[in-house]
Amino acid sequence: MPTPFGSFPFDAAGVDSFAHPLFLAPNLRAPTTNDIQNPGTQWLNNAVNPPVIYETTGAGLWYQIAGGGGSFTNLTVTGNETVGGTLGVTGLSTFTGGINTNPTVVTAGASPQVANGRSGQVTFSGVSIAAGATQTFVITNSAVSGASQVILYSLVGATTGAALTIQSVTNSAGSSSIVVQNGTGASTTTANVTFTYILLN
């Protein structure tokens, strides 16, 4: 025998809840992580005006739907679930136009340069790398944990005719050393060199 309309869970004769999840209505509260339903099941919260519709992906995760139109506008985490590896978030921030890492930017100066933070841009002056030679640039950074730190670097800046490449990166606690090599037969470079970096672990 079906349960009375409005109680939880709502049951309807002849409806397969796996093929067509049931709309749970009316409820006078938002769903919680304890409200476990089949994926795709919707929940109407009549405690607010206008009513808010939620849909579950299962396992107690519920998402708010925009005006019941079927498009998701924002994630509503209704408990201490793990979302993307972060425990206990109550909402997600949205960045417009790409990744916002708030980089540290350091103006030109001789090595070593100080640039604390997980992302940044550092410019080195005092560059002189002859053909086939190398020069080491050191960034002091408190965010670098040790030798196992993985840092993604890009390099710009060179005198015309030079052929610079990053030969090696050696990290230690609080420091990263970058060896830059000029190509064999290339022009000596004396232009400022700029590194952009992001810590990947």
C-alpha atoms as a PDB file:
ATOM      1  CA  MET A   1       0.000   0.000   0.000  1.00  0.00           C
ATOM      2  CA  PRO A   2       1.457   3.415  -0.953  1.00  0.00           C
ATOM      3  CA  THR A   3       2.418   5.824   1.789  1.00  0.00           C
ATOM      4  CA  PRO A   4       0.262   8.987   2.118  1.00  0.00           C
ATOM      5  CA  PHE A   5       1.014  11.844  -0.277  1.00  0.00           C
ATOM      6  CA  GLY A   6       3.628  14.176   1.147  1.00  0.00           C
ATOM      7  CA  SER A   7       5.313  11.589   3.331  1.00  0.00           C
ATOM      8  CA  PHE A   8       8.832  10.289   2.712  1.00  0.00           C
ATOM      9  CA  PRO A   9       9.390   8.366   0.533  1.00  0.00           C
ATOM     10  CA  PHE A  10       6.551   8.971  -1.920  1.00  0.00           C
ATOM     11  CA  ASP A  11       5.414   5.833  -3.741  1.00  0.00           C
ATOM     12  CA  ALA A  12       3.263   5.528  -6.857  1.00  0.00           C
ATOM     13  CA  ALA A  13       1.769   2.306  -8.173  1.00  0.00           C
ATOM     14  CA  GLY A  14       3.182   1.231 -11.507  1.00  0.00           C
ATOM     15  CA  VAL A  15       6.118   3.671 -11.527  1.00  0.00           C
ATOM     16  CA  ASP A  16       9.598   2.152 -11.767  1.00  0.00           C
ATOM     17  CA  SER A  17      11.723   4.380  -9.499  1.00  0.00           C
ATOM     18  CA  PHE A  18      14.935   3.298 -11.232  1.00  0.00           C
ATOM     19  CA  ALA A  19      13.731   4.151 -14.753  1.00  0.00           C
ATOM     20  CA  HIS A  20      11.822   7.264 -13.692  1.00  0.00           C
ATOM     21  CA  PRO A  21      12.879   8.571 -10.251  1.00  0.00           C
ATOM     22  CA  LEU A  22      10.049   9.869  -8.143  1.00  0.00           C
ATOM     23  CA  PHE A  23       9.368  13.488  -7.311  1.00  0.00           C
ATOM     24  CA  LEU A  24       9.214  13.751  -3.534  1.00  0.00           C
ATOM     25  CA  ALA A  25       6.619  16.371  -2.643  1.00  0.00           C
ATOM     26  CA  PRO A  26       5.633  18.275  -0.682  1.00  0.00           C
ATOM     27  CA  ASN A  27       8.374  18.644   1.940  1.00  0.00           C
ATOM     28  CA  LEU A  28       8.789  21.505   4.375  1.00  0.00           C
ATOM     29  CA  ARG A  29      12.583  21.396   4.471  1.00  0.00           C
ATOM     30  CA  ALA A  30      15.630  21.012   2.245  1.00  0.00           C
ATOM     31  CA  PRO A  31      17.097  17.511   1.816  1.00  0.00           C
ATOM     32  CA  THR A  32      20.040  16.375   3.916  1.00  0.00           C
ATOM     33  CA  THR A  33      22.743  13.753   3.501  1.00  0.00           C
ATOM     34  CA  ASN A  34      20.503  11.357   5.416  1.00  0.00           C
ATOM     35  CA  ASP A  35      17.897  11.507   2.637  1.00  0.00           C
ATOM     36  CA  ILE A  36      19.240   8.706   0.439  1.00  0.00           C
ATOM     37  CA  GLN A  37      17.328   8.270  -2.828  1.00  0.00           C
ATOM     38  CA  ASN A  38      17.956   6.872  -6.294  1.00  0.00           C
ATOM     39  CA  PRO A  39      19.988   9.102  -8.642  1.00  0.00           C
ATOM     40  CA  GLY A  40      17.745  11.574 -10.482  1.00  0.00           C
ATOM     41  CA  THR A  41      15.110  11.735  -7.736  1.00  0.00           C
ATOM     42  CA  GLN A  42      13.848  15.272  -7.154  1.00  0.00           C
ATOM     43  CA  TRP A  43      12.799  16.955  -3.916  1.00  0.00           C
ATOM     44  CA  LEU A  44      10.520  19.980  -3.550  1.00  0.00           C
ATOM     45  CA  ASN A  45      11.147  22.189  -0.529  1.00  0.00           C
ATOM     46  CA  ASN A  46       7.889  24.027   0.174  1.00  0.00           C
ATOM     47  CA  ALA A  47       9.274  25.722   3.274  1.00  0.00           C
ATOM     48  CA  VAL A  48      10.468  28.625   1.114  1.00  0.00           C
ATOM     49  CA  ASN A  49       8.685  30.848  -1.377  1.00  0.00           C
ATOM     50  CA  PRO A  50       9.111  30.236  -4.223  1.00  0.00           C
ATOM     51  CA  PRO A  51       9.646  26.533  -3.566  1.00  0.00           C
ATOM     52  CA  VAL A  52      13.118  25.139  -4.310  1.00  0.00           C
ATOM     53  CA  ILE A  53      13.710  21.923  -6.233  1.00  0.00           C
ATOM     54  CA  TYR A  54      16.685  19.638  -5.539  1.00  0.00           C
ATOM     55  CA  GLU A  55      17.887  16.598  -7.449  1.00  0.00           C
ATOM     56  CA  THR A  56      20.150  13.846  -6.123  1.00  0.00           C
ATOM     57  CA  THR A  57      23.025  11.974  -7.714  1.00  0.00           C
ATOM     58  CA  GLY A  58      22.596   9.369  -5.004  1.00  0.00           C
ATOM     59  CA  ALA A  59      24.501   8.751  -1.754  1.00  0.00           C
ATOM     60  CA  GLY A  60      22.883  11.784  -0.087  1.00  0.00           C
ATOM     61  CA  LEU A  61      24.280  14.396  -2.496  1.00  0.00           C
ATOM     62  CA  TRP A  62      21.608  16.930  -3.513  1.00  0.00           C
ATOM     63  CA  TYR A  63      21.872  19.738  -6.059  1.00  0.00           C
ATOM     64  CA  GLN A  64      19.622  22.793  -6.331  1.00  0.00           C
ATOM     65  CA  ILE A  65      17.896  23.211  -9.706  1.00  0.00           C
ATOM     66  CA  ALA A  66      17.146  26.652 -11.164  1.00  0.00           C
ATOM     67  CA  GLY A  67      13.428  27.261 -10.917  1.00  0.00           C
ATOM     68  CA  GLY A  68      12.697  23.628 -11.623  1.00  0.00           C
ATOM     69  CA  GLY A  69      13.775  24.113 -15.243  1.00  0.00           C
ATOM     70  CA  GLY A  70      16.354  21.368 -15.170  1.00  0.00           C
ATOM     71  CA  SER A  71      19.509  23.491 -15.360  1.00  0.00           C
ATOM     72  CA  PHE A  72      21.861  23.417 -12.399  1.00  0.00           C
ATOM     73  CA  THR A  73      22.756  26.865 -11.107  1.00  0.00           C
ATOM     74  CA  ASN A  74      24.737  26.159  -7.979  1.00  0.00           C
ATOM     75  CA  LEU A  75      25.826  23.274  -5.840  1.00  0.00           C
ATOM     76  CA  THR A  76      24.190  23.093  -2.455  1.00  0.00           C
ATOM     77  CA  VAL A  77      26.164  20.876  -0.114  1.00  0.00           C
ATOM     78  CA  THR A  78      23.823  19.900   2.665  1.00  0.00           C
ATOM     79  CA  GLY A  79      26.312  18.276   5.036  1.00  0.00           C
ATOM     80  CA  ASN A  80      30.001  17.475   5.486  1.00  0.00           C
ATOM     81  CA  GLU A  81      30.373  15.484   2.284  1.00  0.00           C
ATOM     82  CA  THR A  82      33.660  15.320   0.448  1.00  0.00           C
ATOM     83  CA  VAL A  83      33.462  17.382  -2.742  1.00  0.00           C
ATOM     84  CA  GLY A  84      36.483  17.253  -5.026  1.00  0.00           C
ATOM     85  CA  GLY A  85      38.668  16.092  -2.162  1.00  0.00           C
ATOM     86  CA  THR A  86      37.765  18.974   0.159  1.00  0.00           C
ATOM     87  CA  LEU A  87      35.878  18.158   3.334  1.00  0.00           C
ATOM     88  CA  GLY A  88      33.119  20.286   4.718  1.00  0.00           C
ATOM     89  CA  VAL A  89      32.709  22.982   2.077  1.00  0.00           C
ATOM     90  CA  THR A  90      29.391  24.813   2.018  1.00  0.00           C
ATOM     91  CA  GLY A  91      29.645  26.258  -1.452  1.00  0.00           C
ATOM     92  CA  LEU A  92      31.912  26.579  -4.470  1.00  0.00           C
ATOM     93  CA  SER A  93      33.632  29.716  -5.756  1.00  0.00           C
ATOM     94  CA  THR A  94      33.488  30.505  -9.457  1.00  0.00           C
ATOM     95  CA  PHE A  95      36.323  32.180 -11.329  1.00  0.00           C
ATOM     96  CA  THR A  96      35.530  34.007 -14.546  1.00  0.00           C
ATOM     97  CA  GLY A  97      38.023  33.971 -17.393  1.00  0.00           C
ATOM     98  CA  GLY A  98      40.328  31.154 -16.272  1.00  0.00           C
ATOM     99  CA  ILE A  99      42.287  30.045 -13.233  1.00  0.00           C
ATOM    100  CA  ASN A 100      42.731  32.684 -10.554  1.00  0.00           C
ATOM    101  CA  THR A 101      45.852  31.877  -8.524  1.00  0.00           C
ATOM    102  CA  ASN A 102      46.725  35.363  -7.224  1.00  0.00           C
ATOM    103  CA  PRO A 103      50.394  35.084  -8.337  1.00  0.00           C
ATOM    104  CA  THR A 104      53.328  36.752  -6.627  1.00  0.00           C
ATOM    105  CA  VAL A 105      55.049  39.124  -9.094  1.00  0.00           C
ATOM    106  CA  VAL A 106      58.678  40.116  -8.502  1.00  0.00           C
ATOM    107  CA  THR A 107      60.394  42.872 -10.482  1.00  0.00           C
ATOM    108  CA  ALA A 108      63.832  42.527 -12.059  1.00  0.00           C
ATOM    109  CA  GLY A 109      66.749  41.848  -9.739  1.00  0.00           C
ATOM    110  CA  ALA A 110      69.870  39.740  -9.427  1.00  0.00           C
ATOM    111  CA  SER A 111      69.728  36.098  -8.324  1.00  0.00           C
ATOM    112  CA  PRO A 112      68.625  34.981  -5.776  1.00  0.00           C
ATOM    113  CA  GLN A 113      65.137  36.473  -5.842  1.00  0.00           C
ATOM    114  CA  VAL A 114      62.439  36.007  -3.166  1.00  0.00           C
ATOM    115  CA  ALA A 115      58.969  34.999  -4.412  1.00  0.00           C
ATOM    116  CA  ASN A 116      56.864  33.264  -1.764  1.00  0.00           C
ATOM    117  CA  GLY A 117      53.666  31.574  -2.917  1.00  0.00           C
ATOM    118  CA  ARG A 118      52.323  28.706  -4.986  1.00  0.00           C
ATOM    119  CA  SER A 119      52.369  30.717  -8.208  1.00  0.00           C
ATOM    120  CA  GLY A 120      54.299  33.702  -9.418  1.00  0.00           C
ATOM    121  CA  GLN A 121      56.461  35.508 -11.911  1.00  0.00           C
ATOM    122  CA  VAL A 122      60.100  36.408 -11.256  1.00  0.00           C
ATOM    123  CA  THR A 123      62.381  38.518 -13.481  1.00  0.00           C
ATOM    124  CA  PHE A 124      66.166  38.230 -13.218  1.00  0.00           C
ATOM    125  CA  SER A 125      68.682  40.867 -14.261  1.00  0.00           C
ATOM    126  CA  GLY A 126      72.446  40.364 -14.481  1.00  0.00           C
ATOM    127  CA  VAL A 127      72.066  37.710 -17.187  1.00  0.00           C
ATOM    128  CA  SER A 128      75.109  36.749 -19.273  1.00  0.00           C
ATOM    129  CA  ILE A 129      75.010  33.360 -20.961  1.00  0.00           C
ATOM    130  CA  ALA A 130      77.464  32.707 -23.795  1.00  0.00           C
ATOM    131  CA  ALA A 131      76.909  30.076 -26.501  1.00  0.00           C
ATOM    132  CA  GLY A 132      76.946  26.601 -24.946  1.00  0.00           C
ATOM    133  CA  ALA A 133      77.176  28.026 -21.410  1.00  0.00           C
ATOM    134  CA  THR A 134      74.759  27.902 -18.467  1.00  0.00           C
ATOM    135  CA  GLN A 135      73.621  30.247 -15.707  1.00  0.00           C
ATOM    136  CA  THR A 136      71.789  29.331 -12.490  1.00  0.00           C
ATOM    137  CA  PHE A 137      68.848  31.365 -11.198  1.00  0.00           C
ATOM    138  CA  VAL A 138      67.634  30.851  -7.616  1.00  0.00           C
ATOM    139  CA  ILE A 139      64.127  31.570  -6.336  1.00  0.00           C
ATOM    140  CA  THR A 140      63.727  31.559  -2.561  1.00  0.00           C
ATOM    141  CA  ASN A 141      60.152  30.428  -1.857  1.00  0.00           C
ATOM    142  CA  SER A 142      58.737  29.304   1.493  1.00  0.00           C
ATOM    143  CA  ALA A 143      56.033  27.283  -0.330  1.00  0.00           C
ATOM    144  CA  VAL A 144      58.632  24.883  -1.778  1.00  0.00           C
ATOM    145  CA  SER A 145      58.598  21.863   0.526  1.00  0.00           C
ATOM    146  CA  GLY A 146      61.655  19.970  -0.676  1.00  0.00           C
ATOM    147  CA  ALA A 147      63.272  17.960  -3.465  1.00  0.00           C
ATOM    148  CA  SER A 148      60.023  16.159  -4.342  1.00  0.00           C
ATOM    149  CA  GLN A 149      58.212  19.446  -5.065  1.00  0.00           C
ATOM    150  CA  VAL A 150      56.944  19.566  -8.666  1.00  0.00           C
ATOM    151  CA  ILE A 151      57.088  23.065 -10.173  1.00  0.00           C
ATOM    152  CA  LEU A 152      55.986  23.977 -13.686  1.00  0.00           C
ATOM    153  CA  TYR A 153      58.187  26.754 -15.127  1.00  0.00           C
ATOM    154  CA  SER A 154      57.982  28.796 -18.318  1.00  0.00           C
ATOM    155  CA  LEU A 155      60.811  31.034 -19.514  1.00  0.00           C
ATOM    156  CA  VAL A 156      60.740  34.218 -21.612  1.00  0.00           C
ATOM    157  CA  GLY A 157      63.392  36.794 -22.467  1.00  0.00           C
ATOM    158  CA  ALA A 158      66.575  36.483 -24.521  1.00  0.00           C
ATOM    159  CA  THR A 159      68.840  38.533 -26.750  1.00  0.00           C
ATOM    160  CA  THR A 160      68.100  38.046 -30.459  1.00  0.00           C
ATOM    161  CA  GLY A 161      70.012  35.020 -31.739  1.00  0.00           C
ATOM    162  CA  ALA A 162      70.162  33.298 -28.350  1.00  0.00           C
ATOM    163  CA  ALA A 163      68.631  29.840 -27.839  1.00  0.00           C
ATOM    164  CA  LEU A 164      67.741  29.449 -24.175  1.00  0.00           C
ATOM    165  CA  THR A 165      66.331  26.294 -22.612  1.00  0.00           C
ATOM    166  CA  ILE A 166      65.759  25.204 -19.029  1.00  0.00           C
ATOM    167  CA  GLN A 167      68.395  22.524 -18.495  1.00  0.00           C
ATOM    168  CA  SER A 168      67.424  21.479 -14.973  1.00  0.00           C
ATOM    169  CA  VAL A 169      65.427  22.402 -11.861  1.00  0.00           C
ATOM    170  CA  THR A 170      66.638  21.410  -8.400  1.00  0.00           C
ATOM    171  CA  ASN A 171      64.345  22.014  -5.439  1.00  0.00           C
ATOM    172  CA  SER A 172      65.048  21.975  -1.720  1.00  0.00           C
ATOM    173  CA  ALA A 173      63.075  23.185   1.283  1.00  0.00           C
ATOM    174  CA  GLY A 174      62.398  26.871   0.659  1.00  0.00           C
ATOM    175  CA  SER A 175      64.362  27.152  -2.584  1.00  0.00           C
ATOM    176  CA  SER A 176      64.332  26.308  -6.283  1.00  0.00           C
ATOM    177  CA  SER A 177      67.409  26.484  -8.548  1.00  0.00           C
ATOM    178  CA  ILE A 178      66.895  26.736 -12.311  1.00  0.00           C
ATOM    179  CA  VAL A 179      69.790  26.106 -14.705  1.00  0.00           C
ATOM    180  CA  VAL A 180      69.368  27.795 -18.095  1.00  0.00           C
ATOM    181  CA  GLN A 181      71.548  26.822 -21.044  1.00  0.00           C
ATOM    182  CA  ASN A 182      72.259  28.776 -24.231  1.00  0.00           C
ATOM    183  CA  GLY A 183      72.495  26.817 -27.472  1.00  0.00           C
ATOM    184  CA  THR A 184      75.807  25.940 -29.134  1.00  0.00           C
ATOM    185  CA  GLY A 185      76.674  28.603 -31.727  1.00  0.00           C
ATOM    186  CA  ALA A 186      73.965  30.941 -30.415  1.00  0.00           C
ATOM    187  CA  SER A 187      74.419  34.607 -29.572  1.00  0.00           C
ATOM    188  CA  THR A 188      75.379  35.549 -26.028  1.00  0.00           C
ATOM    189  CA  THR A 189      72.257  36.672 -24.161  1.00  0.00           C
ATOM    190  CA  THR A 190      72.254  39.577 -21.722  1.00  0.00           C
ATOM    191  CA  ALA A 191      68.512  40.337 -21.693  1.00  0.00           C
ATOM    192  CA  ASN A 192      66.463  39.969 -18.522  1.00  0.00           C
ATOM    193  CA  VAL A 193      64.958  36.502 -18.060  1.00  0.00           C
ATOM    194  CA  THR A 194      61.452  36.023 -16.629  1.00  0.00           C
ATOM    195  CA  PHE A 195      60.169  32.776 -15.098  1.00  0.00           C
ATOM    196  CA  THR A 196      56.479  32.129 -14.508  1.00  0.00           C
ATOM    197  CA  TYR A 197      55.807  29.236 -12.154  1.00  0.00           C
ATOM    198  CA  ILE A 198      53.112  27.210 -10.429  1.00  0.00           C
ATOM    199  CA  LEU A 199      53.570  24.530  -7.764  1.00  0.00           C
ATOM    200  CA  LEU A 200      51.752  21.367  -8.807  1.00  0.00           C
ATOM    201  CA  ASN A 201      51.887  19.449  -5.499  1.00  0.00           C
END
